[in-house]
Amino acid sequence: GGSTEIVGLDRQGSSSLMRYSFEMGCVRLSERFLSGDPPAAAELAKLRAFVREELAKQAELLSALGGRELVGVAGTATYLASSALGLTRFEPEKVQGARISLAQVQELTERFARLTASERLGIGGMDQGRADVIVAGAVILEETLRAVGLSGYTASVRGLRYGAVL
């Protein structure tokens, strides 16, 4: 909730790792920008401008990701996938590998921003801890896809532990 990481291989077939941690996560940005429930349009505009500015600081890194596959792991990416799939409870086996388009992320961001946290409960199996911060997380993911120039992402419920084992 405090940061967003981008990790991948530097170039095709290389074992050189590229990585960057943005100090912007769904909890941190919700606390900083989104005091309304639902958030006001002005709050969302400030949040979105901040995310764009932070991403722009790493434009070279992000441009190198163009044309690649983005795999989204953890809460925001998987709950957005679950919501896009129309699930009423979180089902990892259905979320794993789901392809979610930028248009779907944008639609969900707009939808969630119109709802209160309690109205978001249950959408995609969302719980209270995620319902409070999903809007900021969705904005981060949406703006990251735009900055990289990608049309969507693939959701994975297999995060850091799986990567460490591999």
C-alpha atoms as a PDB file:
ATOM      1  CA  GLY A   1       0.000   0.000   0.000  1.00  0.00           C
ATOM      2  CA  GLY A   2       2.978   2.335   0.229  1.00  0.00           C
ATOM      3  CA  SER A   3       4.658   1.758  -3.117  1.00  0.00           C
ATOM      4  CA  THR A   4       4.346   0.473  -6.658  1.00  0.00           C
ATOM      5  CA  GLU A   5       7.095  -1.701  -8.087  1.00  0.00           C
ATOM      6  CA  ILE A   6       8.006  -2.421 -11.665  1.00  0.00           C
ATOM      7  CA  VAL A   7      10.332  -5.364 -12.117  1.00  0.00           C
ATOM      8  CA  GLY A   8      11.386  -7.222 -15.236  1.00  0.00           C
ATOM      9  CA  LEU A   9      14.207  -8.402 -17.433  1.00  0.00           C
ATOM     10  CA  ASP A  10      16.251  -5.628 -18.978  1.00  0.00           C
ATOM     11  CA  ARG A  11      16.026  -7.022 -22.496  1.00  0.00           C
ATOM     12  CA  GLN A  12      14.784 -10.127 -24.260  1.00  0.00           C
ATOM     13  CA  GLY A  13      16.660 -13.193 -23.074  1.00  0.00           C
ATOM     14  CA  SER A  14      18.809 -11.236 -20.622  1.00  0.00           C
ATOM     15  CA  SER A  15      19.158 -12.141 -16.973  1.00  0.00           C
ATOM     16  CA  SER A  16      19.812  -8.499 -16.078  1.00  0.00           C
ATOM     17  CA  LEU A  17      17.017  -7.231 -13.859  1.00  0.00           C
ATOM     18  CA  MET A  18      15.478  -3.798 -14.213  1.00  0.00           C
ATOM     19  CA  ARG A  19      13.501  -2.551 -11.276  1.00  0.00           C
ATOM     20  CA  TYR A  20      12.085   0.606  -9.815  1.00  0.00           C
ATOM     21  CA  SER A  21       9.981   1.334  -6.771  1.00  0.00           C
ATOM     22  CA  PHE A  22       7.652   4.324  -6.962  1.00  0.00           C
ATOM     23  CA  GLU A  23       6.776   5.772  -3.552  1.00  0.00           C
ATOM     24  CA  MET A  24       3.106   5.758  -4.413  1.00  0.00           C
ATOM     25  CA  GLY A  25       0.845   2.992  -3.279  1.00  0.00           C
ATOM     26  CA  CYS A  26      -2.907   2.740  -2.842  1.00  0.00           C
ATOM     27  CA  VAL A  27      -2.873   3.334   0.922  1.00  0.00           C
ATOM     28  CA  ARG A  28      -0.338   6.165   0.847  1.00  0.00           C
ATOM     29  CA  LEU A  29      -2.142   8.035  -1.954  1.00  0.00           C
ATOM     30  CA  SER A  30      -5.617   7.417  -0.534  1.00  0.00           C
ATOM     31  CA  GLU A  31      -4.522   8.999   2.737  1.00  0.00           C
ATOM     32  CA  ARG A  32      -2.829  11.892   0.955  1.00  0.00           C
ATOM     33  CA  PHE A  33      -5.422  12.753  -1.698  1.00  0.00           C
ATOM     34  CA  LEU A  34      -8.806  11.090  -1.115  1.00  0.00           C
ATOM     35  CA  SER A  35     -10.563  12.356   2.003  1.00  0.00           C
ATOM     36  CA  GLY A  36     -14.098  12.181   0.574  1.00  0.00           C
ATOM     37  CA  ASP A  37     -16.160   9.028   0.439  1.00  0.00           C
ATOM     38  CA  PRO A  38     -16.753   8.908  -2.438  1.00  0.00           C
ATOM     39  CA  PRO A  39     -13.830  11.115  -3.464  1.00  0.00           C
ATOM     40  CA  ALA A  40     -14.549  14.524  -4.952  1.00  0.00           C
ATOM     41  CA  ALA A  41     -13.655  15.228  -8.582  1.00  0.00           C
ATOM     42  CA  ALA A  42     -10.999  17.743  -7.479  1.00  0.00           C
ATOM     43  CA  GLU A  43      -9.379  15.118  -5.226  1.00  0.00           C
ATOM     44  CA  LEU A  44      -9.266  12.638  -8.091  1.00  0.00           C
ATOM     45  CA  ALA A  45      -7.771  15.242 -10.418  1.00  0.00           C
ATOM     46  CA  LYS A  46      -4.985  16.015  -7.915  1.00  0.00           C
ATOM     47  CA  LEU A  47      -4.336  12.301  -7.392  1.00  0.00           C
ATOM     48  CA  ARG A  48      -4.168  11.625 -11.133  1.00  0.00           C
ATOM     49  CA  ALA A  49      -1.842  14.627 -11.708  1.00  0.00           C
ATOM     50  CA  PHE A  50       0.484  13.419  -8.944  1.00  0.00           C
ATOM     51  CA  VAL A  51       0.631   9.879 -10.358  1.00  0.00           C
ATOM     52  CA  ARG A  52       1.385  11.206 -13.846  1.00  0.00           C
ATOM     53  CA  GLU A  53       4.162  13.445 -12.479  1.00  0.00           C
ATOM     54  CA  GLU A  54       5.742  10.552 -10.565  1.00  0.00           C
ATOM     55  CA  LEU A  55       5.594   8.259 -13.590  1.00  0.00           C
ATOM     56  CA  ALA A  56       7.056  10.982 -15.820  1.00  0.00           C
ATOM     57  CA  LYS A  57      10.166  11.040 -13.606  1.00  0.00           C
ATOM     58  CA  GLN A  58      10.909   7.529 -14.898  1.00  0.00           C
ATOM     59  CA  ALA A  59       9.784   8.065 -18.506  1.00  0.00           C
ATOM     60  CA  GLU A  60      12.890   6.368 -19.904  1.00  0.00           C
ATOM     61  CA  LEU A  61      12.307   3.224 -17.855  1.00  0.00           C
ATOM     62  CA  LEU A  62       8.615   3.148 -18.727  1.00  0.00           C
ATOM     63  CA  SER A  63       9.220   3.687 -22.440  1.00  0.00           C
ATOM     64  CA  ALA A  64      11.543   0.657 -22.413  1.00  0.00           C
ATOM     65  CA  LEU A  65       8.541  -1.419 -21.312  1.00  0.00           C
ATOM     66  CA  GLY A  66       6.483  -0.582 -24.388  1.00  0.00           C
ATOM     67  CA  GLY A  67       5.357  -3.632 -26.322  1.00  0.00           C
ATOM     68  CA  ARG A  68       5.909  -5.949 -23.366  1.00  0.00           C
ATOM     69  CA  GLU A  69       3.432  -7.853 -21.262  1.00  0.00           C
ATOM     70  CA  LEU A  70       2.517  -6.332 -17.912  1.00  0.00           C
ATOM     71  CA  VAL A  71       1.637  -8.862 -15.237  1.00  0.00           C
ATOM     72  CA  GLY A  72      -0.219  -7.254 -12.356  1.00  0.00           C
ATOM     73  CA  VAL A  73       0.072  -8.906  -8.954  1.00  0.00           C
ATOM     74  CA  ALA A  74      -1.322  -8.127  -5.508  1.00  0.00           C
ATOM     75  CA  GLY A  75      -4.505  -6.464  -4.318  1.00  0.00           C
ATOM     76  CA  THR A  76      -5.367  -3.756  -6.822  1.00  0.00           C
ATOM     77  CA  ALA A  77      -4.542  -5.753  -9.945  1.00  0.00           C
ATOM     78  CA  THR A  78      -6.298  -8.904  -8.777  1.00  0.00           C
ATOM     79  CA  TYR A  79      -9.407  -7.217  -7.342  1.00  0.00           C
ATOM     80  CA  LEU A  80      -9.816  -5.174 -10.523  1.00  0.00           C
ATOM     81  CA  ALA A  81      -9.563  -8.420 -12.496  1.00  0.00           C
ATOM     82  CA  SER A  82     -12.114 -10.100 -10.237  1.00  0.00           C
ATOM     83  CA  SER A  83     -14.449  -7.119 -10.673  1.00  0.00           C
ATOM     84  CA  ALA A  84     -13.947  -7.031 -14.446  1.00  0.00           C
ATOM     85  CA  LEU A  85     -14.831 -10.729 -14.564  1.00  0.00           C
ATOM     86  CA  GLY A  86     -18.077  -9.990 -12.703  1.00  0.00           C
ATOM     87  CA  LEU A  87     -17.246 -12.283  -9.800  1.00  0.00           C
ATOM     88  CA  THR A  88     -19.210 -11.917  -6.564  1.00  0.00           C
ATOM     89  CA  ARG A  89     -16.455 -13.544  -4.524  1.00  0.00           C
ATOM     90  CA  PHE A  90     -12.733 -13.634  -5.130  1.00  0.00           C
ATOM     91  CA  GLU A  91     -11.862 -16.851  -7.000  1.00  0.00           C
ATOM     92  CA  PRO A  92      -8.081 -17.112  -7.520  1.00  0.00           C
ATOM     93  CA  GLU A  93      -8.370 -19.824 -10.173  1.00  0.00           C
ATOM     94  CA  LYS A  94     -10.523 -17.515 -12.346  1.00  0.00           C
ATOM     95  CA  VAL A  95      -8.433 -14.393 -11.715  1.00  0.00           C
ATOM     96  CA  GLN A  96      -5.117 -16.110 -12.501  1.00  0.00           C
ATOM     97  CA  GLY A  97      -4.171 -15.298 -16.089  1.00  0.00           C
ATOM     98  CA  ALA A  98      -7.185 -13.066 -16.781  1.00  0.00           C
ATOM     99  CA  ARG A  99      -6.438 -10.399 -19.378  1.00  0.00           C
ATOM    100  CA  ILE A 100      -7.832  -7.002 -18.332  1.00  0.00           C
ATOM    101  CA  SER A 101      -7.937  -4.156 -20.835  1.00  0.00           C
ATOM    102  CA  LEU A 102      -7.083  -0.523 -20.185  1.00  0.00           C
ATOM    103  CA  ALA A 103     -10.705   0.290 -21.067  1.00  0.00           C
ATOM    104  CA  GLN A 104     -11.900  -2.073 -18.324  1.00  0.00           C
ATOM    105  CA  VAL A 105      -9.514  -0.515 -15.799  1.00  0.00           C
ATOM    106  CA  GLN A 106     -10.730   2.960 -16.769  1.00  0.00           C
ATOM    107  CA  GLU A 107     -14.395   1.932 -16.467  1.00  0.00           C
ATOM    108  CA  LEU A 108     -13.809   0.339 -13.062  1.00  0.00           C
ATOM    109  CA  THR A 109     -11.843   3.367 -11.839  1.00  0.00           C
ATOM    110  CA  GLU A 110     -14.735   5.645 -12.794  1.00  0.00           C
ATOM    111  CA  ARG A 111     -17.319   3.269 -11.319  1.00  0.00           C
ATOM    112  CA  PHE A 112     -15.508   2.858  -7.999  1.00  0.00           C
ATOM    113  CA  ALA A 113     -14.880   6.603  -7.742  1.00  0.00           C
ATOM    114  CA  ARG A 114     -18.662   7.211  -7.796  1.00  0.00           C
ATOM    115  CA  LEU A 115     -19.310   4.749  -4.959  1.00  0.00           C
ATOM    116  CA  THR A 116     -18.628   4.910  -1.245  1.00  0.00           C
ATOM    117  CA  ALA A 117     -16.275   2.345   0.260  1.00  0.00           C
ATOM    118  CA  SER A 118     -19.231   0.439   1.717  1.00  0.00           C
ATOM    119  CA  GLU A 119     -20.950   0.390  -1.692  1.00  0.00           C
ATOM    120  CA  ARG A 120     -17.786  -1.135  -3.203  1.00  0.00           C
ATOM    121  CA  LEU A 121     -17.880  -4.037  -0.746  1.00  0.00           C
ATOM    122  CA  GLY A 122     -18.514  -7.340  -2.438  1.00  0.00           C
ATOM    123  CA  ILE A 123     -17.822  -6.125  -5.981  1.00  0.00           C
ATOM    124  CA  GLY A 124     -15.351  -8.699  -7.246  1.00  0.00           C
ATOM    125  CA  GLY A 125     -15.328 -10.120  -3.730  1.00  0.00           C
ATOM    126  CA  MET A 126     -13.828  -6.894  -2.377  1.00  0.00           C
ATOM    127  CA  ASP A 127     -13.350  -6.644   1.379  1.00  0.00           C
ATOM    128  CA  GLN A 128     -13.270  -3.566   3.642  1.00  0.00           C
ATOM    129  CA  GLY A 129      -9.493  -3.195   3.578  1.00  0.00           C
ATOM    130  CA  ARG A 130      -9.423  -3.063  -0.215  1.00  0.00           C
ATOM    131  CA  ALA A 131     -12.674  -1.112  -0.711  1.00  0.00           C
ATOM    132  CA  ASP A 132     -11.144   1.871   1.123  1.00  0.00           C
ATOM    133  CA  VAL A 133      -8.117   2.117  -1.186  1.00  0.00           C
ATOM    134  CA  ILE A 134      -9.134   0.607  -4.537  1.00  0.00           C
ATOM    135  CA  VAL A 135      -9.721   3.978  -6.237  1.00  0.00           C
ATOM    136  CA  ALA A 136      -6.153   5.181  -5.693  1.00  0.00           C
ATOM    137  CA  GLY A 137      -4.774   1.791  -6.715  1.00  0.00           C
ATOM    138  CA  ALA A 138      -6.890   1.768  -9.875  1.00  0.00           C
ATOM    139  CA  VAL A 139      -5.668   5.258 -10.815  1.00  0.00           C
ATOM    140  CA  ILE A 140      -2.043   4.126 -10.360  1.00  0.00           C
ATOM    141  CA  LEU A 141      -2.595   1.060 -12.544  1.00  0.00           C
ATOM    142  CA  GLU A 142      -4.541   2.980 -15.188  1.00  0.00           C
ATOM    143  CA  GLU A 143      -1.923   5.730 -15.448  1.00  0.00           C
ATOM    144  CA  THR A 144       0.913   3.191 -15.519  1.00  0.00           C
ATOM    145  CA  LEU A 145      -0.688   1.384 -18.454  1.00  0.00           C
ATOM    146  CA  ARG A 146      -1.054   4.720 -20.256  1.00  0.00           C
ATOM    147  CA  ALA A 147       2.515   5.818 -19.501  1.00  0.00           C
ATOM    148  CA  VAL A 148       3.899   2.553 -20.848  1.00  0.00           C
ATOM    149  CA  GLY A 149       1.539   2.540 -23.823  1.00  0.00           C
ATOM    150  CA  LEU A 150      -0.032  -0.825 -23.056  1.00  0.00           C
ATOM    151  CA  SER A 151      -3.592  -1.861 -23.829  1.00  0.00           C
ATOM    152  CA  GLY A 152      -4.007  -3.927 -20.669  1.00  0.00           C
ATOM    153  CA  TYR A 153      -2.434  -6.359 -18.257  1.00  0.00           C
ATOM    154  CA  THR A 154      -2.587  -9.988 -17.205  1.00  0.00           C
ATOM    155  CA  ALA A 155      -3.614 -10.599 -13.597  1.00  0.00           C
ATOM    156  CA  SER A 156      -1.696 -13.017 -11.427  1.00  0.00           C
ATOM    157  CA  VAL A 157      -2.433 -14.237  -7.925  1.00  0.00           C
ATOM    158  CA  ARG A 158       1.123 -15.574  -7.863  1.00  0.00           C
ATOM    159  CA  GLY A 159       3.218 -12.740  -6.482  1.00  0.00           C
ATOM    160  CA  LEU A 160       6.529 -12.313  -4.708  1.00  0.00           C
ATOM    161  CA  ARG A 161       6.637 -15.721  -3.003  1.00  0.00           C
ATOM    162  CA  TYR A 162       6.273 -17.512  -6.332  1.00  0.00           C
ATOM    163  CA  GLY A 163       8.907 -15.304  -7.940  1.00  0.00           C
ATOM    164  CA  ALA A 164      11.342 -15.941  -5.105  1.00  0.00           C
ATOM    165  CA  VAL A 165      10.875 -19.698  -5.488  1.00  0.00           C
ATOM    166  CA  LEU A 166      11.433 -19.513  -9.255  1.00  0.00           C
END
